Amino acid sequence: AVIVWNTGVLPRTMTAVTINGEKYTAVDVQYYFNTTRTNLLNLYYQNLGTLPFNTGTSTKDQVYDEESGQTWYDYLMEQTMESMRRNAALADKAEAEGYTMSQDAQDSLNSALESLEPAWVARYSSRDAYIRAYYGSYLSYNHLVELLTKDALASDYAQHTYDGFTYTDADYETYYQENADTLDNYTLSQFIFRANVSTTDEDGNTIEMTDEEKEDALA
């Protein structure tokens, strides 16, 4: 069984998860998991100058949420599944509508694929070795191109749909009036001051004051 698994036949062919009726193999899931992991590491490092977890230790052995006991692996896999569901839905919608990738998106995809060529030279023996190290143990170049293309289509379609939304000021005002109770936020601050009237002069002598005089001074 180990010998058969190590050939990569099972990870490349057995269904690991089904999303929207489409079957994804263990290789597919590993690609999305590694992509999610890499994106998170880059986000933390670029914005905070640090890493969210120890990259030299398995994420299965590092706790993400102390209260629930969720590990970093569980969290990353949760995000991976969400990413896969989102991309699958967008890609299916794009294909159903006959949407084709824009030239800008195609150029970005081509650029990403071209960057694979020199990326492996410094540390890896081949392009395939680089791909396996970064994206998954049994991922081939051709299948990586398929996955990257599908992701690019999903992202481009999402941007195309977003850009197609147009609203006037009147539309925004109408929406606000209909949802003001949930859109409005208020911050209330209360300050309490204790006021009193001094009944002594600068030398500490008592000043005799009537109640009326005290009220006037207090006011």
C-alpha atoms as a PDB file:
ATOM      1  CA  ALA A   1       0.000   0.000   0.000  1.00  0.00           C
ATOM      2  CA  VAL A   2       2.840   2.386   0.867  1.00  0.00           C
ATOM      3  CA  ILE A   3       4.574   1.637  -2.425  1.00  0.00           C
ATOM      4  CA  VAL A   4       1.381   2.321  -4.383  1.00  0.00           C
ATOM      5  CA  TRP A   5       0.763   5.566  -2.428  1.00  0.00           C
ATOM      6  CA  ASN A   6       4.307   6.761  -3.031  1.00  0.00           C
ATOM      7  CA  THR A   7       3.847   6.422  -6.777  1.00  0.00           C
ATOM      8  CA  GLY A   8       1.345   9.287  -6.529  1.00  0.00           C
ATOM      9  CA  VAL A   9      -1.391   7.368  -8.347  1.00  0.00           C
ATOM     10  CA  LEU A  10      -3.840   7.424  -5.436  1.00  0.00           C
ATOM     11  CA  PRO A  11      -3.340  11.074  -4.397  1.00  0.00           C
ATOM     12  CA  ARG A  12      -3.783  12.113  -8.038  1.00  0.00           C
ATOM     13  CA  THR A  13      -6.887  10.014  -8.700  1.00  0.00           C
ATOM     14  CA  MET A  14      -8.833   9.382  -5.477  1.00  0.00           C
ATOM     15  CA  THR A  15     -11.530  11.885  -4.556  1.00  0.00           C
ATOM     16  CA  ALA A  16     -10.718  13.804  -1.381  1.00  0.00           C
ATOM     17  CA  VAL A  17     -13.650  16.222  -1.438  1.00  0.00           C
ATOM     18  CA  THR A  18     -16.616  17.024  -3.687  1.00  0.00           C
ATOM     19  CA  ILE A  19     -17.658  20.655  -4.175  1.00  0.00           C
ATOM     20  CA  ASN A  20     -20.665  21.657  -6.294  1.00  0.00           C
ATOM     21  CA  GLY A  21     -20.668  18.182  -7.793  1.00  0.00           C
ATOM     22  CA  GLU A  22     -17.023  18.421  -8.877  1.00  0.00           C
ATOM     23  CA  LYS A  23     -14.492  15.980  -7.454  1.00  0.00           C
ATOM     24  CA  TYR A  24     -11.167  17.191  -6.106  1.00  0.00           C
ATOM     25  CA  THR A  25      -8.230  14.905  -5.398  1.00  0.00           C
ATOM     26  CA  ALA A  26      -5.804  15.009  -2.477  1.00  0.00           C
ATOM     27  CA  VAL A  27      -3.346  16.732  -4.812  1.00  0.00           C
ATOM     28  CA  ASP A  28      -5.864  19.504  -5.471  1.00  0.00           C
ATOM     29  CA  VAL A  29      -6.555  20.001  -1.763  1.00  0.00           C
ATOM     30  CA  GLN A  30      -2.835  20.087  -0.985  1.00  0.00           C
ATOM     31  CA  TYR A  31      -2.332  22.756  -3.644  1.00  0.00           C
ATOM     32  CA  TYR A  32      -5.051  24.964  -2.169  1.00  0.00           C
ATOM     33  CA  PHE A  33      -3.861  24.289   1.388  1.00  0.00           C
ATOM     34  CA  ASN A  34      -0.275  25.246   0.571  1.00  0.00           C
ATOM     35  CA  THR A  35      -1.480  28.339  -1.293  1.00  0.00           C
ATOM     36  CA  THR A  36      -3.593  29.410   1.691  1.00  0.00           C
ATOM     37  CA  ARG A  37      -0.657  28.801   4.035  1.00  0.00           C
ATOM     38  CA  THR A  38       1.790  30.759   1.867  1.00  0.00           C
ATOM     39  CA  ASN A  39      -0.613  33.688   1.437  1.00  0.00           C
ATOM     40  CA  LEU A  40      -1.158  33.905   5.194  1.00  0.00           C
ATOM     41  CA  LEU A  41       2.574  33.825   5.927  1.00  0.00           C
ATOM     42  CA  ASN A  42       3.217  36.566   3.364  1.00  0.00           C
ATOM     43  CA  LEU A  43       0.372  38.689   4.757  1.00  0.00           C
ATOM     44  CA  TYR A  44       1.711  38.496   8.304  1.00  0.00           C
ATOM     45  CA  TYR A  45       5.303  39.135   7.307  1.00  0.00           C
ATOM     46  CA  GLN A  46       4.516  42.081   5.039  1.00  0.00           C
ATOM     47  CA  ASN A  47       2.233  43.806   7.562  1.00  0.00           C
ATOM     48  CA  LEU A  48       3.687  42.781  10.922  1.00  0.00           C
ATOM     49  CA  GLY A  49       7.223  41.689  10.116  1.00  0.00           C
ATOM     50  CA  THR A  50       6.620  38.382  11.872  1.00  0.00           C
ATOM     51  CA  LEU A  51       5.080  34.954  11.231  1.00  0.00           C
ATOM     52  CA  PRO A  52       1.850  33.622  12.772  1.00  0.00           C
ATOM     53  CA  PHE A  53       3.309  30.209  13.612  1.00  0.00           C
ATOM     54  CA  ASN A  54       6.572  28.271  13.618  1.00  0.00           C
ATOM     55  CA  THR A  55       7.206  27.134  10.049  1.00  0.00           C
ATOM     56  CA  GLY A  56       9.692  24.541  11.265  1.00  0.00           C
ATOM     57  CA  THR A  57       7.017  22.654  13.221  1.00  0.00           C
ATOM     58  CA  SER A  58       3.890  20.930  11.932  1.00  0.00           C
ATOM     59  CA  THR A  59       0.811  23.149  12.051  1.00  0.00           C
ATOM     60  CA  LYS A  60      -1.016  20.158  13.537  1.00  0.00           C
ATOM     61  CA  ASP A  61       1.062  20.602  16.696  1.00  0.00           C
ATOM     62  CA  GLN A  62       0.485  24.350  17.094  1.00  0.00           C
ATOM     63  CA  VAL A  63      -2.654  25.802  18.681  1.00  0.00           C
ATOM     64  CA  TYR A  64      -4.464  28.571  16.835  1.00  0.00           C
ATOM     65  CA  ASP A  65      -7.345  29.100  19.288  1.00  0.00           C
ATOM     66  CA  GLU A  66      -6.560  28.394  22.947  1.00  0.00           C
ATOM     67  CA  GLU A  67     -10.224  28.429  23.944  1.00  0.00           C
ATOM     68  CA  SER A  68     -11.443  25.870  21.414  1.00  0.00           C
ATOM     69  CA  GLY A  69      -8.164  23.994  21.023  1.00  0.00           C
ATOM     70  CA  GLN A  70      -8.271  24.471  17.239  1.00  0.00           C
ATOM     71  CA  THR A  71      -4.837  23.950  15.688  1.00  0.00           C
ATOM     72  CA  TRP A  72      -3.271  26.040  12.953  1.00  0.00           C
ATOM     73  CA  TYR A  73      -3.742  23.075  10.635  1.00  0.00           C
ATOM     74  CA  ASP A  74      -7.481  22.979  11.369  1.00  0.00           C
ATOM     75  CA  TYR A  75      -7.767  26.729  10.823  1.00  0.00           C
ATOM     76  CA  LEU A  76      -5.818  26.652   7.545  1.00  0.00           C
ATOM     77  CA  MET A  77      -7.847  23.697   6.285  1.00  0.00           C
ATOM     78  CA  GLU A  78     -11.049  25.553   7.166  1.00  0.00           C
ATOM     79  CA  GLN A  79      -9.851  28.546   5.145  1.00  0.00           C
ATOM     80  CA  THR A  80      -8.758  26.223   2.345  1.00  0.00           C
ATOM     81  CA  MET A  81     -12.202  24.655   2.039  1.00  0.00           C
ATOM     82  CA  GLU A  82     -13.824  28.087   2.001  1.00  0.00           C
ATOM     83  CA  SER A  83     -11.446  29.229  -0.736  1.00  0.00           C
ATOM     84  CA  MET A  84     -12.163  26.110  -2.785  1.00  0.00           C
ATOM     85  CA  ARG A  85     -15.919  26.540  -2.448  1.00  0.00           C
ATOM     86  CA  ARG A  86     -15.723  30.217  -3.434  1.00  0.00           C
ATOM     87  CA  ASN A  87     -13.480  29.616  -6.446  1.00  0.00           C
ATOM     88  CA  ALA A  88     -15.554  26.654  -7.611  1.00  0.00           C
ATOM     89  CA  ALA A  89     -18.775  28.671  -7.448  1.00  0.00           C
ATOM     90  CA  LEU A  90     -17.238  31.607  -9.333  1.00  0.00           C
ATOM     91  CA  ALA A  91     -15.658  29.399 -11.997  1.00  0.00           C
ATOM     92  CA  ASP A  92     -18.920  27.499 -12.507  1.00  0.00           C
ATOM     93  CA  LYS A  93     -20.838  30.761 -12.821  1.00  0.00           C
ATOM     94  CA  ALA A  94     -18.325  32.136 -15.317  1.00  0.00           C
ATOM     95  CA  GLU A  95     -18.478  29.009 -17.453  1.00  0.00           C
ATOM     96  CA  ALA A  96     -22.282  28.914 -17.301  1.00  0.00           C
ATOM     97  CA  GLU A  97     -22.445  32.480 -18.587  1.00  0.00           C
ATOM     98  CA  GLY A  98     -19.819  31.843 -21.249  1.00  0.00           C
ATOM     99  CA  TYR A  99     -17.485  34.368 -19.676  1.00  0.00           C
ATOM    100  CA  THR A 100     -13.947  34.392 -21.038  1.00  0.00           C
ATOM    101  CA  MET A 101     -10.938  35.695 -19.177  1.00  0.00           C
ATOM    102  CA  SER A 102      -9.979  39.295 -19.828  1.00  0.00           C
ATOM    103  CA  GLN A 103      -6.682  40.084 -21.505  1.00  0.00           C
ATOM    104  CA  ASP A 104      -5.316  41.652 -18.313  1.00  0.00           C
ATOM    105  CA  ALA A 105      -6.100  38.501 -16.349  1.00  0.00           C
ATOM    106  CA  GLN A 106      -4.573  36.329 -19.075  1.00  0.00           C
ATOM    107  CA  ASP A 107      -1.424  38.458 -19.076  1.00  0.00           C
ATOM    108  CA  SER A 108      -1.152  38.137 -15.279  1.00  0.00           C
ATOM    109  CA  LEU A 109      -1.569  34.379 -15.533  1.00  0.00           C
ATOM    110  CA  ASN A 110       1.070  34.150 -18.245  1.00  0.00           C
ATOM    111  CA  SER A 111       3.415  36.233 -16.117  1.00  0.00           C
ATOM    112  CA  ALA A 112       2.878  33.935 -13.130  1.00  0.00           C
ATOM    113  CA  LEU A 113       3.609  30.872 -15.239  1.00  0.00           C
ATOM    114  CA  GLU A 114       6.704  32.469 -16.728  1.00  0.00           C
ATOM    115  CA  SER A 115       7.988  33.262 -13.230  1.00  0.00           C
ATOM    116  CA  LEU A 116       8.095  29.524 -12.502  1.00  0.00           C
ATOM    117  CA  GLU A 117      10.899  29.077 -15.003  1.00  0.00           C
ATOM    118  CA  PRO A 118      13.660  31.012 -13.193  1.00  0.00           C
ATOM    119  CA  ALA A 119      12.250  30.502  -9.682  1.00  0.00           C
ATOM    120  CA  TRP A 120      13.712  27.030  -9.184  1.00  0.00           C
ATOM    121  CA  VAL A 121      17.222  27.699 -10.483  1.00  0.00           C
ATOM    122  CA  ALA A 122      18.862  28.857  -7.237  1.00  0.00           C
ATOM    123  CA  ARG A 123      17.648  26.139  -4.839  1.00  0.00           C
ATOM    124  CA  TYR A 124      16.065  23.282  -6.765  1.00  0.00           C
ATOM    125  CA  SER A 125      17.198  20.719  -9.287  1.00  0.00           C
ATOM    126  CA  SER A 126      14.283  21.329 -11.640  1.00  0.00           C
ATOM    127  CA  ARG A 127      11.039  23.213 -12.141  1.00  0.00           C
ATOM    128  CA  ASP A 128       9.065  20.128 -11.098  1.00  0.00           C
ATOM    129  CA  ALA A 129      11.036  19.877  -7.839  1.00  0.00           C
ATOM    130  CA  TYR A 130      10.188  23.519  -7.114  1.00  0.00           C
ATOM    131  CA  ILE A 131       6.492  22.915  -7.821  1.00  0.00           C
ATOM    132  CA  ARG A 132       6.406  19.868  -5.547  1.00  0.00           C
ATOM    133  CA  ALA A 133       8.104  21.782  -2.741  1.00  0.00           C
ATOM    134  CA  TYR A 134       5.762  24.779  -2.883  1.00  0.00           C
ATOM    135  CA  TYR A 135       2.451  23.405  -4.122  1.00  0.00           C
ATOM    136  CA  GLY A 136       2.294  19.678  -3.391  1.00  0.00           C
ATOM    137  CA  SER A 137       4.271  16.473  -3.454  1.00  0.00           C
ATOM    138  CA  TYR A 138       2.515  14.954  -6.477  1.00  0.00           C
ATOM    139  CA  LEU A 139       1.485  18.032  -8.407  1.00  0.00           C
ATOM    140  CA  SER A 140       2.581  18.107 -12.042  1.00  0.00           C
ATOM    141  CA  TYR A 141       3.285  21.245 -14.035  1.00  0.00           C
ATOM    142  CA  ASN A 142       0.343  20.639 -16.389  1.00  0.00           C
ATOM    143  CA  HIS A 143      -2.113  20.195 -13.522  1.00  0.00           C
ATOM    144  CA  LEU A 144      -0.729  23.281 -11.800  1.00  0.00           C
ATOM    145  CA  VAL A 145      -1.460  25.251 -14.975  1.00  0.00           C
ATOM    146  CA  GLU A 146      -5.049  23.935 -14.909  1.00  0.00           C
ATOM    147  CA  LEU A 147      -5.554  24.985 -11.279  1.00  0.00           C
ATOM    148  CA  LEU A 148      -3.962  28.400 -11.747  1.00  0.00           C
ATOM    149  CA  THR A 149      -6.078  28.996 -14.846  1.00  0.00           C
ATOM    150  CA  LYS A 150      -9.276  28.083 -13.020  1.00  0.00           C
ATOM    151  CA  ASP A 151      -8.378  30.371 -10.119  1.00  0.00           C
ATOM    152  CA  ALA A 152      -7.534  33.215 -12.503  1.00  0.00           C
ATOM    153  CA  LEU A 153     -10.892  32.803 -14.248  1.00  0.00           C
ATOM    154  CA  ALA A 154     -12.746  32.847 -10.907  1.00  0.00           C
ATOM    155  CA  SER A 155     -10.896  35.958  -9.713  1.00  0.00           C
ATOM    156  CA  ASP A 156     -11.351  37.772 -13.017  1.00  0.00           C
ATOM    157  CA  TYR A 157     -15.054  36.949 -13.154  1.00  0.00           C
ATOM    158  CA  ALA A 158     -15.522  38.216  -9.590  1.00  0.00           C
ATOM    159  CA  GLN A 159     -13.825  41.511 -10.478  1.00  0.00           C
ATOM    160  CA  HIS A 160     -15.843  41.783 -13.685  1.00  0.00           C
ATOM    161  CA  THR A 161     -19.070  41.290 -11.742  1.00  0.00           C
ATOM    162  CA  TYR A 162     -18.049  43.826  -9.098  1.00  0.00           C
ATOM    163  CA  ASP A 163     -17.128  46.400 -11.724  1.00  0.00           C
ATOM    164  CA  GLY A 164     -20.543  45.927 -13.302  1.00  0.00           C
ATOM    165  CA  PHE A 165     -22.381  47.186 -10.235  1.00  0.00           C
ATOM    166  CA  THR A 166     -23.429  50.814 -10.698  1.00  0.00           C
ATOM    167  CA  TYR A 167     -25.414  52.824  -8.149  1.00  0.00           C
ATOM    168  CA  THR A 168     -26.489  56.463  -8.068  1.00  0.00           C
ATOM    169  CA  ASP A 169     -26.487  58.697  -5.001  1.00  0.00           C
ATOM    170  CA  ALA A 170     -30.252  58.282  -4.948  1.00  0.00           C
ATOM    171  CA  ASP A 171     -29.827  54.495  -4.768  1.00  0.00           C
ATOM    172  CA  TYR A 172     -27.489  54.827  -1.795  1.00  0.00           C
ATOM    173  CA  GLU A 173     -29.849  57.239  -0.049  1.00  0.00           C
ATOM    174  CA  THR A 174     -32.821  54.941  -0.578  1.00  0.00           C
ATOM    175  CA  TYR A 175     -30.893  51.975   0.771  1.00  0.00           C
ATOM    176  CA  TYR A 176     -29.788  54.009   3.770  1.00  0.00           C
ATOM    177  CA  GLN A 177     -33.307  55.156   4.587  1.00  0.00           C
ATOM    178  CA  GLU A 178     -34.521  51.543   4.439  1.00  0.00           C
ATOM    179  CA  ASN A 179     -31.697  50.235   6.618  1.00  0.00           C
ATOM    180  CA  ALA A 180     -30.802  53.181   8.836  1.00  0.00           C
ATOM    181  CA  ASP A 181     -31.420  51.217  12.039  1.00  0.00           C
ATOM    182  CA  THR A 182     -28.715  48.703  11.177  1.00  0.00           C
ATOM    183  CA  LEU A 183     -26.325  51.083   9.401  1.00  0.00           C
ATOM    184  CA  ASP A 184     -26.199  53.876  11.970  1.00  0.00           C
ATOM    185  CA  ASN A 185     -23.775  53.599  14.847  1.00  0.00           C
ATOM    186  CA  TYR A 186     -23.611  55.871  17.856  1.00  0.00           C
ATOM    187  CA  THR A 187     -20.943  56.314  20.491  1.00  0.00           C
ATOM    188  CA  LEU A 188     -22.217  57.930  23.678  1.00  0.00           C
ATOM    189  CA  SER A 189     -19.803  59.325  26.257  1.00  0.00           C
ATOM    190  CA  GLN A 190     -20.896  60.609  29.672  1.00  0.00           C
ATOM    191  CA  PHE A 191     -18.720  62.881  31.786  1.00  0.00           C
ATOM    192  CA  ILE A 192     -19.644  63.667  35.394  1.00  0.00           C
ATOM    193  CA  PHE A 193     -18.184  66.706  37.187  1.00  0.00           C
ATOM    194  CA  ARG A 194     -18.577  67.359  40.896  1.00  0.00           C
ATOM    195  CA  ALA A 195     -18.883  71.103  41.552  1.00  0.00           C
ATOM    196  CA  ASN A 196     -18.682  72.838  44.912  1.00  0.00           C
ATOM    197  CA  VAL A 197     -18.438  76.364  46.299  1.00  0.00           C
ATOM    198  CA  SER A 198     -15.430  77.385  48.313  1.00  0.00           C
ATOM    199  CA  THR A 199     -16.450  78.955  51.660  1.00  0.00           C
ATOM    200  CA  THR A 200     -12.945  80.085  52.625  1.00  0.00           C
ATOM    201  CA  ASP A 201     -10.833  82.936  51.345  1.00  0.00           C
ATOM    202  CA  GLU A 202      -7.185  82.864  50.265  1.00  0.00           C
ATOM    203  CA  ASP A 203      -6.024  83.112  53.876  1.00  0.00           C
ATOM    204  CA  GLY A 204      -8.231  80.229  54.964  1.00  0.00           C
ATOM    205  CA  ASN A 205     -10.757  82.389  56.738  1.00  0.00           C
ATOM    206  CA  THR A 206     -14.383  81.237  56.609  1.00  0.00           C
ATOM    207  CA  ILE A 207     -16.670  83.219  54.368  1.00  0.00           C
ATOM    208  CA  GLU A 208     -20.193  83.538  55.557  1.00  0.00           C
ATOM    209  CA  MET A 209     -22.554  82.998  52.600  1.00  0.00           C
ATOM    210  CA  THR A 210     -26.271  82.736  52.346  1.00  0.00           C
ATOM    211  CA  ASP A 211     -27.870  79.838  50.520  1.00  0.00           C
ATOM    212  CA  GLU A 212     -28.729  82.200  47.692  1.00  0.00           C
ATOM    213  CA  GLU A 213     -25.119  83.331  47.383  1.00  0.00           C
ATOM    214  CA  LYS A 214     -23.945  79.714  47.330  1.00  0.00           C
ATOM    215  CA  GLU A 215     -26.427  78.878  44.551  1.00  0.00           C
ATOM    216  CA  ASP A 216     -25.271  81.875  42.515  1.00  0.00           C
ATOM    217  CA  ALA A 217     -21.617  80.887  42.986  1.00  0.00           C
ATOM    218  CA  LEU A 218     -22.384  77.263  42.062  1.00  0.00           C
ATOM    219  CA  ALA A 219     -24.183  78.380  38.908  1.00  0.00           C
END
